[in-house]
Amino acid sequence: MEILTVDEVAAFLRISKHQVYELAKARTRSGDTREHPLPVLRIGKAVRFRKADVEDWIEKLIRRGK
């Protein structure tokens, strides 16, 4: 299992760190997976991501046509 940091997810998705933090913040505060589906792991104050979850999220977006 590969765990990614915010920097690594931003590079992987080719978006800014700020965008990753916004997705993570909205997800962890509201828990609404429909609005902000980026899967997040909270380890203490750290935000981390399982690479397989991020890849699955991308596949879902592709299937939805977004």
Protein backbone atom coordinates (compact mmCIF):
# COMPACT_ATOMS: atom_id res chain seq x y z
CA MET A 1 0.00 0.00 0.00
CA GLU A 2 1.46 3.33 -1.07
CA ILE A 3 0.62 6.43 0.98
CA LEU A 4 0.97 9.85 -0.66
CA THR A 5 1.48 13.32 0.75
CA VAL A 6 -0.33 16.44 -0.43
CA ASP A 7 2.68 17.37 -2.57
CA GLU A 8 2.69 13.97 -4.22
CA VAL A 9 -1.06 14.02 -4.91
CA ALA A 10 -0.82 17.52 -6.35
CA ALA A 11 1.95 16.41 -8.69
CA PHE A 12 0.10 13.20 -9.58
CA LEU A 13 -3.14 15.07 -10.41
CA ARG A 14 -1.32 18.10 -11.84
CA ILE A 15 -3.22 20.51 -9.64
CA SER A 16 -2.03 22.91 -6.99
CA LYS A 17 -1.40 21.94 -3.38
CA HIS A 18 -4.08 24.47 -2.49
CA GLN A 19 -6.67 22.58 -4.55
CA VAL A 20 -5.72 19.31 -2.84
CA TYR A 21 -6.03 20.94 0.58
CA GLU A 22 -9.43 22.40 -0.35
CA LEU A 23 -10.72 19.00 -1.45
CA ALA A 24 -9.32 17.39 1.69
CA LYS A 25 -10.61 20.11 4.01
CA ALA A 26 -14.13 19.97 2.60
CA ARG A 27 -14.15 16.18 2.72
CA THR A 28 -12.86 15.90 6.27
CA ARG A 29 -15.13 18.63 7.65
CA SER A 30 -18.41 17.67 6.03
CA GLY A 31 -17.83 14.01 5.19
CA ASP A 32 -19.80 14.63 1.98
CA THR A 33 -18.28 12.24 -0.51
CA ARG A 34 -20.55 13.38 -3.35
CA GLU A 35 -19.33 16.98 -3.36
CA HIS A 36 -15.66 16.26 -2.61
CA PRO A 37 -14.93 12.64 -3.39
CA LEU A 38 -11.15 12.77 -3.02
CA PRO A 39 -10.47 10.02 -0.45
CA VAL A 40 -8.53 11.37 2.53
CA LEU A 41 -6.72 9.77 5.44
CA ARG A 42 -6.27 11.90 8.54
CA ILE A 43 -3.31 10.80 10.64
CA GLY A 44 -3.24 13.21 13.53
CA LYS A 45 -3.03 16.59 11.84
CA ALA A 46 -1.48 15.16 8.69
CA VAL A 47 -3.49 14.66 5.53
CA ARG A 48 -2.48 11.59 3.52
CA PHE A 49 -3.90 9.64 0.59
CA ARG A 50 -3.75 6.01 -0.48
CA LYS A 51 -2.56 5.98 -4.09
CA ALA A 52 -5.00 3.19 -4.98
CA ASP A 53 -7.91 5.32 -3.64
CA VAL A 54 -6.81 8.32 -5.71
CA GLU A 55 -6.54 6.14 -8.82
CA ASP A 56 -10.02 4.70 -8.16
CA TRP A 57 -11.37 8.25 -7.73
CA ILE A 58 -9.92 9.21 -11.13
CA GLU A 59 -11.52 6.15 -12.75
CA LYS A 60 -14.91 7.09 -11.26
CA LEU A 61 -14.59 10.62 -12.65
CA ILE A 62 -13.76 9.22 -16.08
CA ARG A 63 -16.77 6.87 -15.99
CA ARG A 64 -19.04 9.77 -15.00
CA GLY A 65 -17.69 11.81 -17.88
CA LYS A 66 -16.25 14.63 -15.76
